[in-house]
Amino acid sequence: MKEYAVIYEKCETDWGAIVPDLPGCVSIGDTLEEVQNNVKEAIALYLEVLAERGENIPEAITKVGVVEVAA
């Protein structure tokens, strides 16, 4: 099982998700929960297609963190 960093963004009417280590792997959903489920499926399909094509599976190298700054 592989783990990939996912960035979630709240938009005006829905949520978006991008997977930095998998170029072009994105998803949307009406709620955060929905986009989380959708992007999980998108990652699985992305990796399945790469495997079917005999292409290398990208390493998960992106790390996500939170930085606190004085405002």
PDB file of N, CA and C in Angstrom:
ATOM      1  N   MET A   1       0.846  -1.175   0.000  1.00  0.00           N
ATOM      2  CA  MET A   1       0.000   0.000   0.000  1.00  0.00           C
ATOM      3  C   MET A   1       0.894   1.242   0.000  1.00  0.00           C
ATOM      4  N   LYS A   2       0.567   2.210  -0.822  1.00  0.00           N
ATOM      5  CA  LYS A   2       1.306   3.461  -0.901  1.00  0.00           C
ATOM      6  C   LYS A   2       0.474   4.582  -0.308  1.00  0.00           C
ATOM      7  N   GLU A   3       1.158   5.579   0.222  1.00  0.00           N
ATOM      8  CA  GLU A   3       0.498   6.773   0.731  1.00  0.00           C
ATOM      9  C   GLU A   3       1.009   7.970  -0.042  1.00  0.00           C
ATOM     10  N   TYR A   4       0.101   8.823  -0.477  1.00  0.00           N
ATOM     11  CA  TYR A   4       0.454  10.031  -1.212  1.00  0.00           C
ATOM     12  C   TYR A   4      -0.123  11.246  -0.509  1.00  0.00           C
ATOM     13  N   ALA A   5       0.631  12.331  -0.505  1.00  0.00           N
ATOM     14  CA  ALA A   5       0.134  13.591   0.035  1.00  0.00           C
ATOM     15  C   ALA A   5      -0.957  14.121  -0.883  1.00  0.00           C
ATOM     16  N   VAL A   6      -2.013  14.641  -0.286  1.00  0.00           N
ATOM     17  CA  VAL A   6      -3.120  15.233  -1.036  1.00  0.00           C
ATOM     18  C   VAL A   6      -3.357  16.627  -0.483  1.00  0.00           C
ATOM     19  N   ILE A   7      -3.537  17.588  -1.373  1.00  0.00           N
ATOM     20  CA  ILE A   7      -3.847  18.954  -0.961  1.00  0.00           C
ATOM     21  C   ILE A   7      -5.315  19.210  -1.276  1.00  0.00           C
ATOM     22  N   TYR A   8      -6.061  19.614  -0.247  1.00  0.00           N
ATOM     23  CA  TYR A   8      -7.484  19.907  -0.403  1.00  0.00           C
ATOM     24  C   TYR A   8      -7.688  21.415  -0.389  1.00  0.00           C
ATOM     25  N   GLU A   9      -8.565  21.878  -1.252  1.00  0.00           N
ATOM     26  CA  GLU A   9      -8.844  23.311  -1.330  1.00  0.00           C
ATOM     27  C   GLU A   9     -10.345  23.541  -1.390  1.00  0.00           C
ATOM     28  N   LYS A  10     -10.825  24.408  -0.513  1.00  0.00           N
ATOM     29  CA  LYS A  10     -12.238  24.781  -0.518  1.00  0.00           C
ATOM     30  C   LYS A  10     -12.427  25.853  -1.582  1.00  0.00           C
ATOM     31  N   CYS A  11     -13.315  25.603  -2.521  1.00  0.00           N
ATOM     32  CA  CYS A  11     -13.635  26.562  -3.579  1.00  0.00           C
ATOM     33  C   CYS A  11     -14.988  27.192  -3.245  1.00  0.00           C
ATOM     34  N   GLU A  12     -15.482  28.020  -4.124  1.00  0.00           N
ATOM     35  CA  GLU A  12     -16.757  28.702  -3.855  1.00  0.00           C
ATOM     36  C   GLU A  12     -17.915  27.741  -3.636  1.00  0.00           C
ATOM     37  N   THR A  13     -18.007  26.725  -4.480  1.00  0.00           N
ATOM     38  CA  THR A  13     -19.173  25.840  -4.406  1.00  0.00           C
ATOM     39  C   THR A  13     -18.836  24.383  -4.131  1.00  0.00           C
ATOM     40  N   ASP A  14     -17.551  24.030  -4.113  1.00  0.00           N
ATOM     41  CA  ASP A  14     -17.180  22.635  -3.901  1.00  0.00           C
ATOM     42  C   ASP A  14     -15.765  22.544  -3.342  1.00  0.00           C
ATOM     43  N   TRP A  15     -15.224  21.345  -3.311  1.00  0.00           N
ATOM     44  CA  TRP A  15     -13.873  21.085  -2.841  1.00  0.00           C
ATOM     45  C   TRP A  15     -13.041  20.497  -3.975  1.00  0.00           C
ATOM     46  N   GLY A  16     -11.762  20.818  -3.995  1.00  0.00           N
ATOM     47  CA  GLY A  16     -10.840  20.251  -4.964  1.00  0.00           C
ATOM     48  C   GLY A  16      -9.720  19.524  -4.245  1.00  0.00           C
ATOM     49  N   ALA A  17      -9.100  18.593  -4.935  1.00  0.00           N
ATOM     50  CA  ALA A  17      -7.968  17.854  -4.384  1.00  0.00           C
ATOM     51  C   ALA A  17      -6.940  17.639  -5.482  1.00  0.00           C
ATOM     52  N   ILE A  18      -5.665  17.825  -5.129  1.00  0.00           N
ATOM     53  CA  ILE A  18      -4.581  17.522  -6.055  1.00  0.00           C
ATOM     54  C   ILE A  18      -3.578  16.610  -5.360  1.00  0.00           C
ATOM     55  N   VAL A  19      -2.918  15.775  -6.159  1.00  0.00           N
ATOM     56  CA  VAL A  19      -1.913  14.849  -5.654  1.00  0.00           C
ATOM     57  C   VAL A  19      -0.591  15.248  -6.303  1.00  0.00           C
ATOM     58  N   PRO A  20       0.248  16.007  -5.596  1.00  0.00           N
ATOM     59  CA  PRO A  20       1.462  16.561  -6.207  1.00  0.00           C
ATOM     60  C   PRO A  20       2.403  15.526  -6.825  1.00  0.00           C
ATOM     61  N   ASP A  21       2.484  14.342  -6.257  1.00  0.00           N
ATOM     62  CA  ASP A  21       3.399  13.328  -6.771  1.00  0.00           C
ATOM     63  C   ASP A  21       2.857  12.541  -7.960  1.00  0.00           C
ATOM     64  N   LEU A  22       1.595  12.782  -8.320  1.00  0.00           N
ATOM     65  CA  LEU A  22       0.974  12.108  -9.458  1.00  0.00           C
ATOM     66  C   LEU A  22       0.431  13.177 -10.404  1.00  0.00           C
ATOM     67  N   PRO A  23       1.258  13.662 -11.308  1.00  0.00           N
ATOM     68  CA  PRO A  23       0.856  14.771 -12.194  1.00  0.00           C
ATOM     69  C   PRO A  23      -0.472  14.507 -12.905  1.00  0.00           C
ATOM     70  N   GLY A  24      -1.399  15.461 -12.760  1.00  0.00           N
ATOM     71  CA  GLY A  24      -2.699  15.348 -13.407  1.00  0.00           C
ATOM     72  C   GLY A  24      -3.732  14.597 -12.591  1.00  0.00           C
ATOM     73  N   CYS A  25      -3.337  14.064 -11.449  1.00  0.00           N
ATOM     74  CA  CYS A  25      -4.283  13.330 -10.599  1.00  0.00           C
ATOM     75  C   CYS A  25      -4.983  14.333  -9.702  1.00  0.00           C
ATOM     76  N   VAL A  26      -6.228  14.632 -10.039  1.00  0.00           N
ATOM     77  CA  VAL A  26      -7.027  15.623  -9.317  1.00  0.00           C
ATOM     78  C   VAL A  26      -8.439  15.087  -9.157  1.00  0.00           C
ATOM     79  N   SER A  27      -9.197  15.725  -8.271  1.00  0.00           N
ATOM     80  CA  SER A  27     -10.587  15.339  -8.095  1.00  0.00           C
ATOM     81  C   SER A  27     -11.351  16.506  -7.498  1.00  0.00           C
ATOM     82  N   ILE A  28     -12.673  16.416  -7.564  1.00  0.00           N
ATOM     83  CA  ILE A  28     -13.540  17.415  -6.937  1.00  0.00           C
ATOM     84  C   ILE A  28     -14.672  16.696  -6.228  1.00  0.00           C
ATOM     85  N   GLY A  29     -15.339  17.422  -5.352  1.00  0.00           N
ATOM     86  CA  GLY A  29     -16.499  16.887  -4.646  1.00  0.00           C
ATOM     87  C   GLY A  29     -17.275  18.021  -4.014  1.00  0.00           C
ATOM     88  N   ASP A  30     -18.529  17.776  -3.732  1.00  0.00           N
ATOM     89  CA  ASP A  30     -19.377  18.796  -3.114  1.00  0.00           C
ATOM     90  C   ASP A  30     -18.984  19.076  -1.668  1.00  0.00           C
ATOM     91  N   THR A  31     -18.423  18.071  -0.986  1.00  0.00           N
ATOM     92  CA  THR A  31     -18.015  18.209   0.406  1.00  0.00           C
ATOM     93  C   THR A  31     -16.589  17.688   0.560  1.00  0.00           C
ATOM     94  N   LEU A  32     -15.977  18.008   1.693  1.00  0.00           N
ATOM     95  CA  LEU A  32     -14.633  17.491   1.959  1.00  0.00           C
ATOM     96  C   LEU A  32     -14.644  15.970   1.980  1.00  0.00           C
ATOM     97  N   GLU A  33     -15.632  15.394   2.624  1.00  0.00           N
ATOM     98  CA  GLU A  33     -15.726  13.930   2.681  1.00  0.00           C
ATOM     99  C   GLU A  33     -15.848  13.329   1.283  1.00  0.00           C
ATOM    100  N   GLU A  34     -16.646  13.945   0.440  1.00  0.00           N
ATOM    101  CA  GLU A  34     -16.827  13.433  -0.919  1.00  0.00           C
ATOM    102  C   GLU A  34     -15.541  13.524  -1.725  1.00  0.00           C
ATOM    103  N   VAL A  35     -14.842  14.651  -1.635  1.00  0.00           N
ATOM    104  CA  VAL A  35     -13.602  14.783  -2.403  1.00  0.00           C
ATOM    105  C   VAL A  35     -12.532  13.833  -1.874  1.00  0.00           C
ATOM    106  N   GLN A  36     -12.539  13.556  -0.574  1.00  0.00           N
ATOM    107  CA  GLN A  36     -11.583  12.596  -0.022  1.00  0.00           C
ATOM    108  C   GLN A  36     -11.824  11.203  -0.602  1.00  0.00           C
ATOM    109  N   ASN A  37     -13.081  10.808  -0.691  1.00  0.00           N
ATOM    110  CA  ASN A  37     -13.408   9.512  -1.290  1.00  0.00           C
ATOM    111  C   ASN A  37     -13.071   9.505  -2.779  1.00  0.00           C
ATOM    112  N   ASN A  38     -13.403  10.595  -3.467  1.00  0.00           N
ATOM    113  CA  ASN A  38     -13.160  10.672  -4.907  1.00  0.00           C
ATOM    114  C   ASN A  38     -11.672  10.625  -5.237  1.00  0.00           C
ATOM    115  N   VAL A  39     -10.852  11.347  -4.465  1.00  0.00           N
ATOM    116  CA  VAL A  39      -9.425  11.373  -4.790  1.00  0.00           C
ATOM    117  C   VAL A  39      -8.779  10.025  -4.471  1.00  0.00           C
ATOM    118  N   LYS A  40      -9.265   9.340  -3.473  1.00  0.00           N
ATOM    119  CA  LYS A  40      -8.752   7.996  -3.177  1.00  0.00           C
ATOM    120  C   LYS A  40      -8.986   7.081  -4.387  1.00  0.00           C
ATOM    121  N   GLU A  41     -10.174   7.155  -4.952  1.00  0.00           N
ATOM    122  CA  GLU A  41     -10.491   6.369  -6.151  1.00  0.00           C
ATOM    123  C   GLU A  41      -9.640   6.816  -7.340  1.00  0.00           C
ATOM    124  N   ALA A  42      -9.455   8.129  -7.481  1.00  0.00           N
ATOM    125  CA  ALA A  42      -8.649   8.658  -8.582  1.00  0.00           C
ATOM    126  C   ALA A  42      -7.204   8.160  -8.497  1.00  0.00           C
ATOM    127  N   ILE A  43      -6.648   8.132  -7.287  1.00  0.00           N
ATOM    128  CA  ILE A  43      -5.281   7.636  -7.104  1.00  0.00           C
ATOM    129  C   ILE A  43      -5.206   6.161  -7.487  1.00  0.00           C
ATOM    130  N   ALA A  44      -6.150   5.379  -7.024  1.00  0.00           N
ATOM    131  CA  ALA A  44      -6.156   3.942  -7.343  1.00  0.00           C
ATOM    132  C   ALA A  44      -6.223   3.719  -8.851  1.00  0.00           C
ATOM    133  N   LEU A  45      -7.086   4.458  -9.534  1.00  0.00           N
ATOM    134  CA  LEU A  45      -7.199   4.313 -10.992  1.00  0.00           C
ATOM    135  C   LEU A  45      -5.936   4.783 -11.700  1.00  0.00           C
ATOM    136  N   TYR A  46      -5.352   5.873 -11.233  1.00  0.00           N
ATOM    137  CA  TYR A  46      -4.116   6.406 -11.806  1.00  0.00           C
ATOM    138  C   TYR A  46      -3.014   5.343 -11.740  1.00  0.00           C
ATOM    139  N   LEU A  47      -2.848   4.755 -10.554  1.00  0.00           N
ATOM    140  CA  LEU A  47      -1.809   3.738 -10.381  1.00  0.00           C
ATOM    141  C   LEU A  47      -2.108   2.485 -11.199  1.00  0.00           C
ATOM    142  N   GLU A  48      -3.373   2.135 -11.313  1.00  0.00           N
ATOM    143  CA  GLU A  48      -3.770   0.971 -12.118  1.00  0.00           C
ATOM    144  C   GLU A  48      -3.404   1.176 -13.587  1.00  0.00           C
ATOM    145  N   VAL A  49      -3.673   2.357 -14.108  1.00  0.00           N
ATOM    146  CA  VAL A  49      -3.345   2.657 -15.506  1.00  0.00           C
ATOM    147  C   VAL A  49      -1.835   2.611 -15.726  1.00  0.00           C
ATOM    148  N   LEU A  50      -1.067   3.189 -14.797  1.00  0.00           N
ATOM    149  CA  LEU A  50       0.387   3.132 -14.927  1.00  0.00           C
ATOM    150  C   LEU A  50       0.872   1.685 -14.962  1.00  0.00           C
ATOM    151  N   ALA A  51       0.333   0.858 -14.079  1.00  0.00           N
ATOM    152  CA  ALA A  51       0.731  -0.554 -14.033  1.00  0.00           C
ATOM    153  C   ALA A  51       0.372  -1.274 -15.327  1.00  0.00           C
ATOM    154  N   GLU A  52      -0.822  -1.006 -15.857  1.00  0.00           N
ATOM    155  CA  GLU A  52      -1.246  -1.635 -17.113  1.00  0.00           C
ATOM    156  C   GLU A  52      -0.333  -1.244 -18.269  1.00  0.00           C
ATOM    157  N   ARG A  53       0.177  -0.030 -18.249  1.00  0.00           N
ATOM    158  CA  ARG A  53       1.069   0.459 -19.297  1.00  0.00           C
ATOM    159  C   ARG A  53       2.523   0.036 -19.072  1.00  0.00           C
ATOM    160  N   GLY A  54       2.780  -0.582 -17.931  1.00  0.00           N
ATOM    161  CA  GLY A  54       4.142  -0.995 -17.611  1.00  0.00           C
ATOM    162  C   GLY A  54       5.036   0.165 -17.205  1.00  0.00           C
ATOM    163  N   GLU A  55       4.424   1.272 -16.786  1.00  0.00           N
ATOM    164  CA  GLU A  55       5.180   2.454 -16.377  1.00  0.00           C
ATOM    165  C   GLU A  55       5.509   2.384 -14.891  1.00  0.00           C
ATOM    166  N   ASN A  56       6.541   3.106 -14.501  1.00  0.00           N
ATOM    167  CA  ASN A  56       6.947   3.142 -13.106  1.00  0.00           C
ATOM    168  C   ASN A  56       5.924   3.876 -12.251  1.00  0.00           C
ATOM    169  N   ILE A  57       5.740   3.389 -11.047  1.00  0.00           N
ATOM    170  CA  ILE A  57       4.865   4.044 -10.074  1.00  0.00           C
ATOM    171  C   ILE A  57       5.702   5.115  -9.370  1.00  0.00           C
ATOM    172  N   PRO A  58       5.281   6.387  -9.419  1.00  0.00           N
ATOM    173  CA  PRO A  58       6.066   7.450  -8.787  1.00  0.00           C
ATOM    174  C   PRO A  58       6.180   7.261  -7.276  1.00  0.00           C
ATOM    175  N   GLU A  59       7.352   7.621  -6.763  1.00  0.00           N
ATOM    176  CA  GLU A  59       7.553   7.600  -5.319  1.00  0.00           C
ATOM    177  C   GLU A  59       6.777   8.745  -4.684  1.00  0.00           C
ATOM    178  N   ALA A  60       6.306   8.517  -3.497  1.00  0.00           N
ATOM    179  CA  ALA A  60       5.616   9.556  -2.737  1.00  0.00           C
ATOM    180  C   ALA A  60       6.686  10.354  -1.991  1.00  0.00           C
ATOM    181  N   ILE A  61       7.038  11.532  -2.541  1.00  0.00           N
ATOM    182  CA  ILE A  61       8.111  12.317  -1.931  1.00  0.00           C
ATOM    183  C   ILE A  61       7.622  13.638  -1.331  1.00  0.00           C
ATOM    184  N   THR A  62       6.419  14.054  -1.661  1.00  0.00           N
ATOM    185  CA  THR A  62       5.894  15.323  -1.149  1.00  0.00           C
ATOM    186  C   THR A  62       5.490  15.166   0.309  1.00  0.00           C
ATOM    187  N   LYS A  63       5.902  16.121   1.110  1.00  0.00           N
ATOM    188  CA  LYS A  63       5.508  16.160   2.521  1.00  0.00           C
ATOM    189  C   LYS A  63       4.673  17.408   2.734  1.00  0.00           C
ATOM    190  N   VAL A  64       3.673  17.312   3.594  1.00  0.00           N
ATOM    191  CA  VAL A  64       2.784  18.434   3.877  1.00  0.00           C
ATOM    192  C   VAL A  64       2.929  18.788   5.350  1.00  0.00           C
ATOM    193  N   GLY A  65       2.987  20.078   5.600  1.00  0.00           N
ATOM    194  CA  GLY A  65       3.088  20.524   6.983  1.00  0.00           C
ATOM    195  C   GLY A  65       2.336  21.828   7.163  1.00  0.00           C
ATOM    196  N   VAL A  66       2.221  22.246   8.390  1.00  0.00           N
ATOM    197  CA  VAL A  66       1.567  23.501   8.734  1.00  0.00           C
ATOM    198  C   VAL A  66       2.592  24.341   9.494  1.00  0.00           C
ATOM    199  N   VAL A  67       2.685  25.600   9.127  1.00  0.00           N
ATOM    200  CA  VAL A  67       3.626  26.516   9.766  1.00  0.00           C
ATOM    201  C   VAL A  67       2.834  27.627  10.441  1.00  0.00           C
ATOM    202  N   GLU A  68       3.118  27.874  11.687  1.00  0.00           N
ATOM    203  CA  GLU A  68       2.432  28.947  12.423  1.00  0.00           C
ATOM    204  C   GLU A  68       3.284  30.208  12.351  1.00  0.00           C
ATOM    205  N   VAL A  69       2.671  31.312  11.991  1.00  0.00           N
ATOM    206  CA  VAL A  69       3.374  32.604  11.926  1.00  0.00           C
ATOM    207  C   VAL A  69       2.556  33.658  12.670  1.00  0.00           C
ATOM    208  N   ALA A  70       3.254  34.644  13.186  1.00  0.00           N
ATOM    209  CA  ALA A  70       2.554  35.750  13.842  1.00  0.00           C
ATOM    210  C   ALA A  70       1.931  36.645  12.799  1.00  0.00           C
ATOM    211  N   ALA A  71       0.701  37.016  13.017  1.00  0.00           N
ATOM    212  CA  ALA A  71       0.005  37.870  12.045  1.00  0.00           C
ATOM    213  C   ALA A  71      -0.051  39.292  12.521  1.00  0.00           C
TER     214      ALA A  71
END
